[in-house]
């Protein structure tokens, strides 16, 4: 993987000041790698356990996503990203499911 980061340098510079500092841990995994791992899972739909190793330990990536979600941390990041690129649509997850071509008709009836 030539470039494993999902965010551009400009986007990263916008959100970096909003990241928590002085967090506990023996060796903290780089926040940019972790956020890129979170984005990878949410965009690709893969399971956390299938996360490529380039993003760091999958338990670390999941735990940070879970902890930051509980603290409603993501809203501040989205607002910071919106200021940098207001024309881009920012969403954390989008799911769609294709319906079978005959799903419009009900069973029996007209």
PDB file of N, CA and C in Angstrom:
ATOM      1  N   UNK A   1       0.848  -1.166   0.000  1.00  0.00           N
ATOM      2  CA  UNK A   1       0.000   0.000   0.000  1.00  0.00           C
ATOM      3  C   UNK A   1       0.898   1.234   0.000  1.00  0.00           C
ATOM      4  N   UNK A   2       0.897   1.950  -1.082  1.00  0.00           N
ATOM      5  CA  UNK A   2       1.791   3.087  -1.221  1.00  0.00           C
ATOM      6  C   UNK A   2       1.431   4.213  -0.253  1.00  0.00           C
ATOM      7  N   UNK A   3       0.168   4.563  -0.180  1.00  0.00           N
ATOM      8  CA  UNK A   3      -0.260   5.634   0.717  1.00  0.00           C
ATOM      9  C   UNK A   3      -1.436   5.128   1.535  1.00  0.00           C
ATOM     10  N   UNK A   4      -1.178   4.767   2.767  1.00  0.00           N
ATOM     11  CA  UNK A   4      -2.223   4.180   3.598  1.00  0.00           C
ATOM     12  C   UNK A   4      -3.116   5.216   4.271  1.00  0.00           C
ATOM     13  N   UNK A   5      -2.762   6.494   4.173  1.00  0.00           N
ATOM     14  CA  UNK A   5      -3.564   7.518   4.841  1.00  0.00           C
ATOM     15  C   UNK A   5      -4.746   7.932   3.971  1.00  0.00           C
ATOM     16  N   UNK A   6      -5.910   8.005   4.575  1.00  0.00           N
ATOM     17  CA  UNK A   6      -7.130   8.379   3.858  1.00  0.00           C
ATOM     18  C   UNK A   6      -7.315   9.894   3.816  1.00  0.00           C
ATOM     19  N   UNK A   7      -6.664  10.612   4.711  1.00  0.00           N
ATOM     20  CA  UNK A   7      -6.820  12.062   4.765  1.00  0.00           C
ATOM     21  C   UNK A   7      -5.614  12.742   4.125  1.00  0.00           C
ATOM     22  N   UNK A   8      -5.870  13.823   3.401  1.00  0.00           N
ATOM     23  CA  UNK A   8      -4.776  14.589   2.805  1.00  0.00           C
ATOM     24  C   UNK A   8      -4.028  15.327   3.917  1.00  0.00           C
ATOM     25  N   UNK A   9      -2.866  15.870   3.579  1.00  0.00           N
ATOM     26  CA  UNK A   9      -2.096  16.638   4.559  1.00  0.00           C
ATOM     27  C   UNK A   9      -2.881  17.852   5.048  1.00  0.00           C
ATOM     28  N   UNK A  10      -3.620  18.483   4.148  1.00  0.00           N
ATOM     29  CA  UNK A  10      -4.431  19.650   4.512  1.00  0.00           C
ATOM     30  C   UNK A  10      -5.553  19.246   5.476  1.00  0.00           C
ATOM     31  N   UNK A  11      -6.227  18.141   5.202  1.00  0.00           N
ATOM     32  CA  UNK A  11      -7.282  17.662   6.090  1.00  0.00           C
ATOM     33  C   UNK A  11      -6.703  17.268   7.447  1.00  0.00           C
ATOM     34  N   UNK A  12      -5.552  16.601   7.433  1.00  0.00           N
ATOM     35  CA  UNK A  12      -4.932  16.190   8.688  1.00  0.00           C
ATOM     36  C   UNK A  12      -4.548  17.402   9.527  1.00  0.00           C
ATOM     37  N   UNK A  13      -3.997  18.434   8.886  1.00  0.00           N
ATOM     38  CA  UNK A  13      -3.617  19.650   9.621  1.00  0.00           C
ATOM     39  C   UNK A  13      -4.837  20.309  10.256  1.00  0.00           C
ATOM     40  N   UNK A  14      -6.007  20.166   9.638  1.00  0.00           N
ATOM     41  CA  UNK A  14      -7.230  20.769  10.184  1.00  0.00           C
ATOM     42  C   UNK A  14      -7.740  20.024  11.413  1.00  0.00           C
ATOM     43  N   UNK A  15      -7.591  18.698  11.437  1.00  0.00           N
ATOM     44  CA  UNK A  15      -8.160  17.948  12.568  1.00  0.00           C
ATOM     45  C   UNK A  15      -7.157  17.671  13.681  1.00  0.00           C
ATOM     46  N   UNK A  16      -5.864  17.734  13.383  1.00  0.00           N
ATOM     47  CA  UNK A  16      -4.852  17.377  14.380  1.00  0.00           C
ATOM     48  C   UNK A  16      -4.972  18.174  15.684  1.00  0.00           C
ATOM     49  N   UNK A  17      -5.259  19.485  15.641  1.00  0.00           N
ATOM     50  CA  UNK A  17      -5.382  20.221  16.909  1.00  0.00           C
ATOM     51  C   UNK A  17      -6.567  19.763  17.780  1.00  0.00           C
ATOM     52  N   UNK A  18      -7.511  19.058  17.198  1.00  0.00           N
ATOM     53  CA  UNK A  18      -8.697  18.607  17.930  1.00  0.00           C
ATOM     54  C   UNK A  18      -8.500  17.245  18.599  1.00  0.00           C
ATOM     55  N   UNK A  19      -7.381  16.601  18.329  1.00  0.00           N
ATOM     56  CA  UNK A  19      -7.150  15.271  18.884  1.00  0.00           C
ATOM     57  C   UNK A  19      -6.771  15.346  20.358  1.00  0.00           C
ATOM     58  N   UNK A  20      -7.185  14.348  21.137  1.00  0.00           N
ATOM     59  CA  UNK A  20      -6.821  14.331  22.553  1.00  0.00           C
ATOM     60  C   UNK A  20      -5.308  14.202  22.718  1.00  0.00           C
ATOM     61  N   UNK A  21      -4.777  14.868  23.725  1.00  0.00           N
ATOM     62  CA  UNK A  21      -3.345  14.784  24.015  1.00  0.00           C
ATOM     63  C   UNK A  21      -3.154  14.212  25.411  1.00  0.00           C
ATOM     64  N   UNK A  22      -1.925  13.871  25.728  1.00  0.00           N
ATOM     65  CA  UNK A  22      -1.573  13.314  27.045  1.00  0.00           C
ATOM     66  C   UNK A  22      -2.412  12.096  27.394  1.00  0.00           C
ATOM     67  N   UNK A  23      -2.594  11.227  26.423  1.00  0.00           N
ATOM     68  CA  UNK A  23      -3.357  10.007  26.655  1.00  0.00           C
ATOM     69  C   UNK A  23      -2.447   8.928  27.224  1.00  0.00           C
ATOM     70  N   UNK A  24      -2.979   8.067  28.085  1.00  0.00           N
ATOM     71  CA  UNK A  24      -2.151   7.013  28.675  1.00  0.00           C
ATOM     72  C   UNK A  24      -1.767   5.960  27.644  1.00  0.00           C
ATOM     73  N   UNK A  25      -0.748   5.214  27.977  1.00  0.00           N
ATOM     74  CA  UNK A  25      -0.306   4.128  27.105  1.00  0.00           C
ATOM     75  C   UNK A  25       1.202   4.101  27.030  1.00  0.00           C
ATOM     76  N   UNK A  26       1.758   2.899  26.948  1.00  0.00           N
ATOM     77  CA  UNK A  26       3.208   2.758  26.906  1.00  0.00           C
ATOM     78  C   UNK A  26       3.776   3.402  25.642  1.00  0.00           C
ATOM     79  N   UNK A  27       3.312   2.962  24.497  1.00  0.00           N
ATOM     80  CA  UNK A  27       3.713   3.524  23.217  1.00  0.00           C
ATOM     81  C   UNK A  27       2.453   3.805  22.439  1.00  0.00           C
ATOM     82  N   UNK A  28       2.087   5.038  22.329  1.00  0.00           N
ATOM     83  CA  UNK A  28       0.852   5.397  21.651  1.00  0.00           C
ATOM     84  C   UNK A  28       1.015   5.243  20.142  1.00  0.00           C
ATOM     85  N   UNK A  29       0.078   4.532  19.534  1.00  0.00           N
ATOM     86  CA  UNK A  29       0.080   4.367  18.078  1.00  0.00           C
ATOM     87  C   UNK A  29      -0.309   5.704  17.457  1.00  0.00           C
ATOM     88  N   UNK A  30       0.361   6.066  16.372  1.00  0.00           N
ATOM     89  CA  UNK A  30       0.148   7.332  15.676  1.00  0.00           C
ATOM     90  C   UNK A  30      -1.328   7.558  15.361  1.00  0.00           C
ATOM     91  N   UNK A  31      -1.847   8.719  15.758  1.00  0.00           N
ATOM     92  CA  UNK A  31      -3.257   9.030  15.552  1.00  0.00           C
ATOM     93  C   UNK A  31      -3.641   9.017  14.078  1.00  0.00           C
ATOM     94  N   UNK A  32      -2.764   9.455  13.210  1.00  0.00           N
ATOM     95  CA  UNK A  32      -3.093   9.488  11.782  1.00  0.00           C
ATOM     96  C   UNK A  32      -3.288   8.071  11.250  1.00  0.00           C
ATOM     97  N   UNK A  33      -2.452   7.147  11.681  1.00  0.00           N
ATOM     98  CA  UNK A  33      -2.622   5.746  11.281  1.00  0.00           C
ATOM     99  C   UNK A  33      -3.934   5.189  11.810  1.00  0.00           C
ATOM    100  N   UNK A  34      -4.233   5.491  13.068  1.00  0.00           N
ATOM    101  CA  UNK A  34      -5.456   4.965  13.691  1.00  0.00           C
ATOM    102  C   UNK A  34      -6.694   5.519  12.998  1.00  0.00           C
ATOM    103  N   UNK A  35      -6.737   6.816  12.773  1.00  0.00           N
ATOM    104  CA  UNK A  35      -7.904   7.412  12.107  1.00  0.00           C
ATOM    105  C   UNK A  35      -8.035   6.866  10.686  1.00  0.00           C
ATOM    106  N   UNK A  36      -6.927   6.676  10.013  1.00  0.00           N
ATOM    107  CA  UNK A  36      -6.977   6.077   8.675  1.00  0.00           C
ATOM    108  C   UNK A  36      -7.518   4.656   8.740  1.00  0.00           C
ATOM    109  N   UNK A  37      -7.162   3.920   9.786  1.00  0.00           N
ATOM    110  CA  UNK A  37      -7.697   2.572   9.969  1.00  0.00           C
ATOM    111  C   UNK A  37      -9.186   2.579  10.219  1.00  0.00           C
ATOM    112  N   UNK A  38      -9.636   3.533  11.023  1.00  0.00           N
ATOM    113  CA  UNK A  38     -11.074   3.663  11.293  1.00  0.00           C
ATOM    114  C   UNK A  38     -11.819   3.983   9.998  1.00  0.00           C
ATOM    115  N   UNK A  39     -11.294   4.922   9.241  1.00  0.00           N
ATOM    116  CA  UNK A  39     -11.924   5.284   7.969  1.00  0.00           C
ATOM    117  C   UNK A  39     -11.930   4.083   7.026  1.00  0.00           C
ATOM    118  N   UNK A  40     -10.837   3.331   7.009  1.00  0.00           N
ATOM    119  CA  UNK A  40     -10.771   2.148   6.139  1.00  0.00           C
ATOM    120  C   UNK A  40     -11.884   1.154   6.477  1.00  0.00           C
ATOM    121  N   UNK A  41     -12.065   0.871   7.761  1.00  0.00           N
ATOM    122  CA  UNK A  41     -13.110  -0.084   8.163  1.00  0.00           C
ATOM    123  C   UNK A  41     -14.493   0.444   7.786  1.00  0.00           C
ATOM    124  N   UNK A  42     -14.746   1.717   8.065  1.00  0.00           N
ATOM    125  CA  UNK A  42     -16.076   2.269   7.810  1.00  0.00           C
ATOM    126  C   UNK A  42     -16.364   2.411   6.318  1.00  0.00           C
ATOM    127  N   UNK A  43     -15.363   2.737   5.519  1.00  0.00           N
ATOM    128  CA  UNK A  43     -15.584   2.874   4.074  1.00  0.00           C
ATOM    129  C   UNK A  43     -15.656   1.526   3.367  1.00  0.00           C
ATOM    130  N   UNK A  44     -14.818   0.577   3.789  1.00  0.00           N
ATOM    131  CA  UNK A  44     -14.777  -0.707   3.091  1.00  0.00           C
ATOM    132  C   UNK A  44     -15.820  -1.688   3.610  1.00  0.00           C
ATOM    133  N   UNK A  45     -16.265  -1.493   4.844  1.00  0.00           N
ATOM    134  CA  UNK A  45     -17.239  -2.411   5.420  1.00  0.00           C
ATOM    135  C   UNK A  45     -16.617  -3.689   5.950  1.00  0.00           C
ATOM    136  N   UNK A  46     -15.294  -3.737   6.027  1.00  0.00           N
ATOM    137  CA  UNK A  46     -14.647  -4.946   6.538  1.00  0.00           C
ATOM    138  C   UNK A  46     -14.822  -5.039   8.054  1.00  0.00           C
ATOM    139  N   UNK A  47     -14.574  -6.211   8.577  1.00  0.00           N
ATOM    140  CA  UNK A  47     -14.634  -6.398  10.030  1.00  0.00           C
ATOM    141  C   UNK A  47     -13.374  -5.801  10.646  1.00  0.00           C
ATOM    142  N   UNK A  48     -13.486  -5.392  11.921  1.00  0.00           N
ATOM    143  CA  UNK A  48     -12.323  -4.837  12.616  1.00  0.00           C
ATOM    144  C   UNK A  48     -11.175  -5.836  12.604  1.00  0.00           C
ATOM    145  N   UNK A  49     -11.475  -7.104  12.737  1.00  0.00           N
ATOM    146  CA  UNK A  49     -10.426  -8.119  12.791  1.00  0.00           C
ATOM    147  C   UNK A  49      -9.717  -8.293  11.452  1.00  0.00           C
ATOM    148  N   UNK A  50     -10.305  -7.789  10.359  1.00  0.00           N
ATOM    149  CA  UNK A  50      -9.694  -7.892   9.037  1.00  0.00           C
ATOM    150  C   UNK A  50      -8.920  -6.638   8.631  1.00  0.00           C
ATOM    151  N   UNK A  51      -8.772  -5.721   9.554  1.00  0.00           N
ATOM    152  CA  UNK A  51      -8.061  -4.472   9.274  1.00  0.00           C
ATOM    153  C   UNK A  51      -6.597  -4.765   8.923  1.00  0.00           C
ATOM    154  N   UNK A  52      -6.083  -4.216   7.811  1.00  0.00           N
ATOM    155  CA  UNK A  52      -4.677  -4.442   7.457  1.00  0.00           C
ATOM    156  C   UNK A  52      -3.742  -3.929   8.558  1.00  0.00           C
ATOM    157  N   UNK A  53      -2.634  -4.616   8.756  1.00  0.00           N
ATOM    158  CA  UNK A  53      -1.687  -4.293   9.822  1.00  0.00           C
ATOM    159  C   UNK A  53      -1.054  -2.916   9.668  1.00  0.00           C
ATOM    160  N   UNK A  54      -1.080  -2.344   8.479  1.00  0.00           N
ATOM    161  CA  UNK A  54      -0.456  -1.048   8.246  1.00  0.00           C
ATOM    162  C   UNK A  54      -1.084   0.043   9.132  1.00  0.00           C
ATOM    163  N   UNK A  55      -2.306  -0.163   9.595  1.00  0.00           N
ATOM    164  CA  UNK A  55      -2.996   0.826  10.421  1.00  0.00           C
ATOM    165  C   UNK A  55      -2.723   0.657  11.912  1.00  0.00           C
ATOM    166  N   UNK A  56      -1.937  -0.317  12.278  1.00  0.00           N
ATOM    167  CA  UNK A  56      -1.634  -0.555  13.678  1.00  0.00           C
ATOM    168  C   UNK A  56      -2.457  -1.710  14.221  1.00  0.00           C
ATOM    169  N   UNK A  57      -2.307  -1.994  15.510  1.00  0.00           N
ATOM    170  CA  UNK A  57      -3.057  -3.102  16.097  1.00  0.00           C
ATOM    171  C   UNK A  57      -4.565  -2.869  16.001  1.00  0.00           C
ATOM    172  N   UNK A  58      -5.277  -3.854  15.488  1.00  0.00           N
ATOM    173  CA  UNK A  58      -6.731  -3.688  15.271  1.00  0.00           C
ATOM    174  C   UNK A  58      -7.483  -3.423  16.565  1.00  0.00           C
ATOM    175  N   UNK A  59      -7.009  -3.974  17.690  1.00  0.00           N
ATOM    176  CA  UNK A  59      -7.691  -3.700  18.968  1.00  0.00           C
ATOM    177  C   UNK A  59      -7.516  -2.238  19.358  1.00  0.00           C
ATOM    178  N   UNK A  60      -6.350  -1.667  19.080  1.00  0.00           N
ATOM    179  CA  UNK A  60      -6.116  -0.245  19.363  1.00  0.00           C
ATOM    180  C   UNK A  60      -7.027   0.620  18.508  1.00  0.00           C
ATOM    181  N   UNK A  61      -7.110   0.296  17.224  1.00  0.00           N
ATOM    182  CA  UNK A  61      -7.943   1.076  16.302  1.00  0.00           C
ATOM    183  C   UNK A  61      -9.407   1.000  16.746  1.00  0.00           C
ATOM    184  N   UNK A  62      -9.891  -0.201  17.040  1.00  0.00           N
ATOM    185  CA  UNK A  62     -11.284  -0.350  17.484  1.00  0.00           C
ATOM    186  C   UNK A  62     -11.520   0.364  18.812  1.00  0.00           C
ATOM    187  N   UNK A  63     -10.623   0.184  19.766  1.00  0.00           N
ATOM    188  CA  UNK A  63     -10.818   0.799  21.077  1.00  0.00           C
ATOM    189  C   UNK A  63     -10.860   2.314  20.996  1.00  0.00           C
ATOM    190  N   UNK A  64     -10.018   2.899  20.146  1.00  0.00           N
ATOM    191  CA  UNK A  64     -10.052   4.358  19.991  1.00  0.00           C
ATOM    192  C   UNK A  64     -11.348   4.806  19.325  1.00  0.00           C
ATOM    193  N   UNK A  65     -11.777   4.075  18.307  1.00  0.00           N
ATOM    194  CA  UNK A  65     -13.053   4.420  17.654  1.00  0.00           C
ATOM    195  C   UNK A  65     -14.198   4.353  18.673  1.00  0.00           C
ATOM    196  N   UNK A  66     -14.217   3.291  19.447  1.00  0.00           N
ATOM    197  CA  UNK A  66     -15.286   3.099  20.428  1.00  0.00           C
ATOM    198  C   UNK A  66     -15.241   4.181  21.518  1.00  0.00           C
ATOM    199  N   UNK A  67     -14.078   4.437  22.063  1.00  0.00           N
ATOM    200  CA  UNK A  67     -13.933   5.435  23.122  1.00  0.00           C
ATOM    201  C   UNK A  67     -14.285   6.832  22.616  1.00  0.00           C
ATOM    202  N   UNK A  68     -13.789   7.180  21.424  1.00  0.00           N
ATOM    203  CA  UNK A  68     -14.082   8.497  20.864  1.00  0.00           C
ATOM    204  C   UNK A  68     -15.545   8.624  20.475  1.00  0.00           C
ATOM    205  N   UNK A  69     -16.185   7.534  20.083  1.00  0.00           N
ATOM    206  CA  UNK A  69     -17.617   7.577  19.757  1.00  0.00           C
ATOM    207  C   UNK A  69     -18.435   7.851  21.004  1.00  0.00           C
ATOM    208  N   UNK A  70     -18.070   7.244  22.104  1.00  0.00           N
ATOM    209  CA  UNK A  70     -18.792   7.464  23.357  1.00  0.00           C
ATOM    210  C   UNK A  70     -18.662   8.910  23.826  1.00  0.00           C
ATOM    211  N   UNK A  71     -17.556   9.534  23.524  1.00  0.00           N
ATOM    212  CA  UNK A  71     -17.322  10.930  23.931  1.00  0.00           C
ATOM    213  C   UNK A  71     -17.840  11.941  22.914  1.00  0.00           C
ATOM    214  N   UNK A  72     -18.463  11.455  21.842  1.00  0.00           N
ATOM    215  CA  UNK A  72     -18.979  12.312  20.758  1.00  0.00           C
ATOM    216  C   UNK A  72     -17.863  13.188  20.171  1.00  0.00           C
ATOM    217  N   UNK A  73     -16.724  12.582  20.035  1.00  0.00           N
ATOM    218  CA  UNK A  73     -15.519  13.231  19.572  1.00  0.00           C
ATOM    219  C   UNK A  73     -15.549  13.544  18.075  1.00  0.00           C
ATOM    220  N   UNK A  74     -16.246  12.710  17.313  1.00  0.00           N
ATOM    221  CA  UNK A  74     -16.215  12.813  15.856  1.00  0.00           C
ATOM    222  C   UNK A  74     -16.854  14.086  15.326  1.00  0.00           C
ATOM    223  N   UNK A  75     -17.827  14.631  16.020  1.00  0.00           N
ATOM    224  CA  UNK A  75     -18.499  15.848  15.556  1.00  0.00           C
ATOM    225  C   UNK A  75     -17.504  16.990  15.359  1.00  0.00           C
ATOM    226  N   UNK A  76     -16.591  17.167  16.307  1.00  0.00           N
ATOM    227  CA  UNK A  76     -15.584  18.222  16.186  1.00  0.00           C
ATOM    228  C   UNK A  76     -14.669  18.020  14.988  1.00  0.00           C
ATOM    229  N   UNK A  77     -14.341  16.754  14.713  1.00  0.00           N
ATOM    230  CA  UNK A  77     -13.494  16.480  13.551  1.00  0.00           C
ATOM    231  C   UNK A  77     -14.216  16.788  12.243  1.00  0.00           C
ATOM    232  N   UNK A  78     -15.497  16.432  12.179  1.00  0.00           N
ATOM    233  CA  UNK A  78     -16.263  16.714  10.963  1.00  0.00           C
ATOM    234  C   UNK A  78     -16.393  18.211  10.732  1.00  0.00           C
ATOM    235  N   UNK A  79     -16.607  18.965  11.792  1.00  0.00           N
ATOM    236  CA  UNK A  79     -16.710  20.424  11.658  1.00  0.00           C
ATOM    237  C   UNK A  79     -15.391  21.016  11.181  1.00  0.00           C
ATOM    238  N   UNK A  80     -14.277  20.509  11.698  1.00  0.00           N
ATOM    239  CA  UNK A  80     -12.959  20.981  11.258  1.00  0.00           C
ATOM    240  C   UNK A  80     -12.719  20.639   9.790  1.00  0.00           C
ATOM    241  N   UNK A  81     -13.103  19.429   9.376  1.00  0.00           N
ATOM    242  CA  UNK A  81     -12.950  19.036   7.969  1.00  0.00           C
ATOM    243  C   UNK A  81     -13.834  19.879   7.061  1.00  0.00           C
ATOM    244  N   UNK A  82     -15.019  20.190   7.527  1.00  0.00           N
ATOM    245  CA  UNK A  82     -15.945  20.995   6.721  1.00  0.00           C
ATOM    246  C   UNK A  82     -15.389  22.392   6.466  1.00  0.00           C
ATOM    247  N   UNK A  83     -14.668  22.951   7.447  1.00  0.00           N
ATOM    248  CA  UNK A  83     -14.071  24.283   7.264  1.00  0.00           C
ATOM    249  C   UNK A  83     -12.981  24.261   6.197  1.00  0.00           C
ATOM    250  N   UNK A  84     -12.255  23.157   6.104  1.00  0.00           N
ATOM    251  CA  UNK A  84     -11.174  23.037   5.124  1.00  0.00           C
ATOM    252  C   UNK A  84     -11.719  22.793   3.724  1.00  0.00           C
ATOM    253  N   UNK A  85     -12.731  21.943   3.616  1.00  0.00           N
ATOM    254  CA  UNK A  85     -13.295  21.619   2.304  1.00  0.00           C
ATOM    255  C   UNK A  85     -14.817  21.579   2.399  1.00  0.00           C
ATOM    256  N   UNK A  86     -15.456  22.752   2.395  1.00  0.00           N
ATOM    257  CA  UNK A  86     -16.911  22.816   2.580  1.00  0.00           C
ATOM    258  C   UNK A  86     -17.711  22.185   1.448  1.00  0.00           C
ATOM    259  N   UNK A  87     -17.111  22.023   0.274  1.00  0.00           N
ATOM    260  CA  UNK A  87     -17.845  21.449  -0.846  1.00  0.00           C
ATOM    261  C   UNK A  87     -17.874  19.929  -0.817  1.00  0.00           C
ATOM    262  N   UNK A  88     -17.016  19.326  -0.007  1.00  0.00           N
ATOM    263  CA  UNK A  88     -16.983  17.872   0.098  1.00  0.00           C
ATOM    264  C   UNK A  88     -18.050  17.404   1.084  1.00  0.00           C
ATOM    265  N   UNK A  89     -18.616  16.267   0.796  1.00  0.00           N
ATOM    266  CA  UNK A  89     -19.568  15.655   1.722  1.00  0.00           C
ATOM    267  C   UNK A  89     -18.779  14.778   2.682  1.00  0.00           C
ATOM    268  N   UNK A  90     -19.001  14.952   3.964  1.00  0.00           N
ATOM    269  CA  UNK A  90     -18.305  14.163   4.973  1.00  0.00           C
ATOM    270  C   UNK A  90     -19.318  13.316   5.716  1.00  0.00           C
ATOM    271  N   UNK A  91     -19.097  12.031   5.706  1.00  0.00           N
ATOM    272  CA  UNK A  91     -19.956  11.136   6.454  1.00  0.00           C
ATOM    273  C   UNK A  91     -19.119   9.999   6.996  1.00  0.00           C
ATOM    274  N   UNK A  92     -19.518   9.461   8.116  1.00  0.00           N
ATOM    275  CA  UNK A  92     -18.751   8.400   8.743  1.00  0.00           C
ATOM    276  C   UNK A  92     -19.151   7.048   8.192  1.00  0.00           C
ATOM    277  N   UNK A  93     -20.385   6.903   7.767  1.00  0.00           N
ATOM    278  CA  UNK A  93     -20.815   5.611   7.267  1.00  0.00           C
ATOM    279  C   UNK A  93     -21.987   5.817   6.318  1.00  0.00           C
ATOM    280  N   UNK A  94     -22.010   5.016   5.317  1.00  0.00           N
ATOM    281  CA  UNK A  94     -23.114   5.044   4.379  1.00  0.00           C
ATOM    282  C   UNK A  94     -23.358   3.609   3.945  1.00  0.00           C
ATOM    283  N   UNK A  95     -24.574   3.189   4.077  1.00  0.00           N
ATOM    284  CA  UNK A  95     -24.898   1.817   3.740  1.00  0.00           C
ATOM    285  C   UNK A  95     -26.012   1.805   2.712  1.00  0.00           C
ATOM    286  N   UNK A  96     -25.882   0.946   1.730  1.00  0.00           N
ATOM    287  CA  UNK A  96     -26.957   0.767   0.763  1.00  0.00           C
ATOM    288  C   UNK A  96     -27.086  -0.714   0.479  1.00  0.00           C
ATOM    289  N   UNK A  97     -28.278  -1.116   0.162  1.00  0.00           N
ATOM    290  CA  UNK A  97     -28.518  -2.510  -0.164  1.00  0.00           C
ATOM    291  C   UNK A  97     -29.342  -2.559  -1.439  1.00  0.00           C
ATOM    292  N   UNK A  98     -28.896  -3.358  -2.388  1.00  0.00           N
ATOM    293  CA  UNK A  98     -29.643  -3.495  -3.629  1.00  0.00           C
ATOM    294  C   UNK A  98     -30.839  -4.403  -3.384  1.00  0.00           C
ATOM    295  N   UNK A  99     -31.933  -4.015  -3.954  1.00  0.00           N
ATOM    296  CA  UNK A  99     -33.140  -4.847  -3.869  1.00  0.00           C
ATOM    297  C   UNK A  99     -33.223  -5.705  -5.130  1.00  0.00           C
ATOM    298  N   UNK A 100     -33.776  -6.861  -4.990  1.00  0.00           N
ATOM    299  CA  UNK A 100     -33.964  -7.739  -6.142  1.00  0.00           C
ATOM    300  C   UNK A 100     -34.907  -7.064  -7.117  1.00  0.00           C
ATOM    301  N   UNK A 101     -34.737  -7.318  -8.415  1.00  0.00           N
ATOM    302  CA  UNK A 101     -35.532  -6.607  -9.417  1.00  0.00           C
ATOM    303  C   UNK A 101     -37.024  -6.881  -9.283  1.00  0.00           C
ATOM    304  N   UNK A 102     -37.405  -7.979  -8.657  1.00  0.00           N
ATOM    305  CA  UNK A 102     -38.841  -8.272  -8.495  1.00  0.00           C
ATOM    306  C   UNK A 102     -39.349  -7.886  -7.115  1.00  0.00           C
ATOM    307  N   UNK A 103     -38.580  -7.140  -6.372  1.00  0.00           N
ATOM    308  CA  UNK A 103     -38.986  -6.807  -4.996  1.00  0.00           C
ATOM    309  C   UNK A 103     -40.101  -5.771  -4.936  1.00  0.00           C
ATOM    310  N   UNK A 104     -40.383  -5.097  -6.027  1.00  0.00           N
ATOM    311  CA  UNK A 104     -41.422  -4.071  -6.023  1.00  0.00           C
ATOM    312  C   UNK A 104     -42.824  -4.672  -5.976  1.00  0.00           C
ATOM    313  N   UNK A 105     -42.968  -5.878  -6.474  1.00  0.00           N
ATOM    314  CA  UNK A 105     -44.306  -6.507  -6.484  1.00  0.00           C
ATOM    315  C   UNK A 105     -44.539  -7.305  -5.218  1.00  0.00           C
ATOM    316  N   UNK A 106     -45.731  -7.209  -4.666  1.00  0.00           N
ATOM    317  CA  UNK A 106     -46.072  -7.964  -3.473  1.00  0.00           C
ATOM    318  C   UNK A 106     -46.580  -9.341  -3.844  1.00  0.00           C
ATOM    319  N   UNK A 107     -46.631 -10.202  -2.872  1.00  0.00           N
ATOM    320  CA  UNK A 107     -47.105 -11.557  -3.100  1.00  0.00           C
ATOM    321  C   UNK A 107     -48.632 -11.527  -3.200  1.00  0.00           C
ATOM    322  N   UNK A 108     -49.161 -12.081  -4.267  1.00  0.00           N
ATOM    323  CA  UNK A 108     -50.610 -12.054  -4.492  1.00  0.00           C
ATOM    324  C   UNK A 108     -51.047 -10.632  -4.823  1.00  0.00           C
ATOM    325  N   UNK A 109     -52.223 -10.399  -5.127  1.00  0.00           N
ATOM    326  CA  UNK A 109     -52.732  -9.045  -5.400  1.00  0.00           C
ATOM    327  C   UNK A 109     -52.185  -8.474  -6.712  1.00  0.00           C
ATOM    328  N   UNK A 110     -52.508  -7.238  -6.954  1.00  0.00           N
ATOM    329  CA  UNK A 110     -52.153  -6.593  -8.221  1.00  0.00           C
ATOM    330  C   UNK A 110     -50.785  -5.992  -8.191  1.00  0.00           C
TER     331      UNK A 110
END
